[in-house]
Amino acid sequence: MTKEHAALEKRKIIDKFLMKLTKEDPQMYYASTYEVARSIHTMIKEHTNRLSVDDQALVRHMSVEEIQGLLGFHLK
């Protein structure tokens, strides 16, 4: 898998967790990017076993800062 493809796949996974997070806690929409990233990081750690093996490998070692960076990156 290329770096670009891996980054896109990570972004898709983060987006799924972001949708779940904002559905469960609508106030997170107004939280800082770091706070949202930290919450997503926690969710990933708690729900890793629900992801496919490939997805687990992609997100297993993601840091809060990496998630924060992906949240700030906008695809055109």
C-alpha atoms as a PDB file:
ATOM      1  CA  MET A   1       0.000   0.000   0.000  1.00  0.00           C
ATOM      2  CA  THR A   2       1.377   3.380  -0.943  1.00  0.00           C
ATOM      3  CA  LYS A   3       1.709   6.175   1.603  1.00  0.00           C
ATOM      4  CA  GLU A   4      -0.990   8.170  -0.174  1.00  0.00           C
ATOM      5  CA  HIS A   5      -3.406   5.242  -0.157  1.00  0.00           C
ATOM      6  CA  ALA A   6      -2.666   4.529   3.510  1.00  0.00           C
ATOM      7  CA  ALA A   7      -3.328   8.172   4.375  1.00  0.00           C
ATOM      8  CA  LEU A   8      -6.676   8.072   2.554  1.00  0.00           C
ATOM      9  CA  GLU A   9      -7.663   4.874   4.316  1.00  0.00           C
ATOM     10  CA  LYS A  10      -6.700   6.341   7.697  1.00  0.00           C
ATOM     11  CA  ARG A  11      -8.786   9.397   6.883  1.00  0.00           C
ATOM     12  CA  LYS A  12     -11.811   7.209   6.072  1.00  0.00           C
ATOM     13  CA  ILE A  13     -11.454   5.380   9.381  1.00  0.00           C
ATOM     14  CA  ILE A  14     -11.068   8.654  11.299  1.00  0.00           C
ATOM     15  CA  ASP A  15     -14.139  10.062   9.531  1.00  0.00           C
ATOM     16  CA  LYS A  16     -16.207   7.027  10.573  1.00  0.00           C
ATOM     17  CA  PHE A  17     -15.182   7.501  14.190  1.00  0.00           C
ATOM     18  CA  LEU A  18     -15.818  11.250  13.924  1.00  0.00           C
ATOM     19  CA  MET A  19     -19.375  10.665  12.696  1.00  0.00           C
ATOM     20  CA  LYS A  20     -19.990   8.228  15.549  1.00  0.00           C
ATOM     21  CA  LEU A  21     -18.500  10.653  18.073  1.00  0.00           C
ATOM     22  CA  THR A  22     -20.582  13.637  16.961  1.00  0.00           C
ATOM     23  CA  LYS A  23     -23.707  11.476  16.848  1.00  0.00           C
ATOM     24  CA  GLU A  24     -23.136  10.304  20.425  1.00  0.00           C
ATOM     25  CA  ASP A  25     -22.063  13.742  21.678  1.00  0.00           C
ATOM     26  CA  PRO A  26     -23.250  16.631  19.461  1.00  0.00           C
ATOM     27  CA  GLN A  27     -21.375  19.139  21.653  1.00  0.00           C
ATOM     28  CA  MET A  28     -18.087  17.741  20.304  1.00  0.00           C
ATOM     29  CA  TYR A  29     -18.811  19.789  17.188  1.00  0.00           C
ATOM     30  CA  TYR A  30     -17.778  22.841  19.212  1.00  0.00           C
ATOM     31  CA  ALA A  31     -14.727  21.239  20.862  1.00  0.00           C
ATOM     32  CA  SER A  32     -11.143  21.958  19.877  1.00  0.00           C
ATOM     33  CA  THR A  33      -9.508  19.792  17.237  1.00  0.00           C
ATOM     34  CA  TYR A  34      -7.173  18.382  19.887  1.00  0.00           C
ATOM     35  CA  GLU A  35     -10.090  17.413  22.139  1.00  0.00           C
ATOM     36  CA  VAL A  36     -11.880  15.704  19.244  1.00  0.00           C
ATOM     37  CA  ALA A  37      -8.661  13.924  18.222  1.00  0.00           C
ATOM     38  CA  ARG A  38      -8.130  12.723  21.785  1.00  0.00           C
ATOM     39  CA  SER A  39     -11.689  11.365  21.924  1.00  0.00           C
ATOM     40  CA  ILE A  40     -11.272   9.607  18.570  1.00  0.00           C
ATOM     41  CA  HIS A  41      -7.947   8.160  19.731  1.00  0.00           C
ATOM     42  CA  THR A  42      -9.691   6.719  22.793  1.00  0.00           C
ATOM     43  CA  MET A  43     -12.490   5.305  20.629  1.00  0.00           C
ATOM     44  CA  ILE A  44      -9.973   3.656  18.311  1.00  0.00           C
ATOM     45  CA  LYS A  45      -8.208   2.037  21.268  1.00  0.00           C
ATOM     46  CA  GLU A  46     -11.529   0.782  22.657  1.00  0.00           C
ATOM     47  CA  HIS A  47     -12.938  -0.473  19.341  1.00  0.00           C
ATOM     48  CA  THR A  48      -9.867  -1.681  17.447  1.00  0.00           C
ATOM     49  CA  ASN A  49     -11.097  -5.268  17.541  1.00  0.00           C
ATOM     50  CA  ARG A  50     -14.179  -4.226  15.528  1.00  0.00           C
ATOM     51  CA  LEU A  51     -12.031  -3.097  12.604  1.00  0.00           C
ATOM     52  CA  SER A  52     -10.708  -5.305   9.838  1.00  0.00           C
ATOM     53  CA  VAL A  53      -7.168  -6.613  10.249  1.00  0.00           C
ATOM     54  CA  ASP A  54      -5.902  -4.178   7.593  1.00  0.00           C
ATOM     55  CA  ASP A  55      -7.615  -1.229   9.258  1.00  0.00           C
ATOM     56  CA  GLN A  56      -6.272  -2.290  12.646  1.00  0.00           C
ATOM     57  CA  ALA A  57      -2.751  -2.244  11.248  1.00  0.00           C
ATOM     58  CA  LEU A  58      -3.290   1.276   9.881  1.00  0.00           C
ATOM     59  CA  VAL A  59      -4.565   2.862  13.092  1.00  0.00           C
ATOM     60  CA  ARG A  60      -2.884   0.774  15.787  1.00  0.00           C
ATOM     61  CA  HIS A  61       0.011   3.181  16.322  1.00  0.00           C
ATOM     62  CA  MET A  62      -1.672   6.468  15.453  1.00  0.00           C
ATOM     63  CA  SER A  63      -1.032   9.281  17.897  1.00  0.00           C
ATOM     64  CA  VAL A  64      -3.476  11.959  18.974  1.00  0.00           C
ATOM     65  CA  GLU A  65      -1.344  14.449  17.037  1.00  0.00           C
ATOM     66  CA  GLU A  66      -1.567  12.393  13.834  1.00  0.00           C
ATOM     67  CA  ILE A  67      -5.343  12.173  14.186  1.00  0.00           C
ATOM     68  CA  GLN A  68      -5.444  15.914  14.806  1.00  0.00           C
ATOM     69  CA  GLY A  69      -3.473  16.471  11.612  1.00  0.00           C
ATOM     70  CA  LEU A  70      -5.848  14.298   9.616  1.00  0.00           C
ATOM     71  CA  LEU A  71      -8.838  16.155  11.036  1.00  0.00           C
ATOM     72  CA  GLY A  72      -7.330  19.439   9.896  1.00  0.00           C
ATOM     73  CA  PHE A  73      -6.628  18.152   6.399  1.00  0.00           C
ATOM     74  CA  HIS A  74      -9.415  18.885   3.921  1.00  0.00           C
ATOM     75  CA  LEU A  75      -9.818  16.785   0.789  1.00  0.00           C
ATOM     76  CA  LYS A  76     -10.912  18.644  -2.321  1.00  0.00           C
END
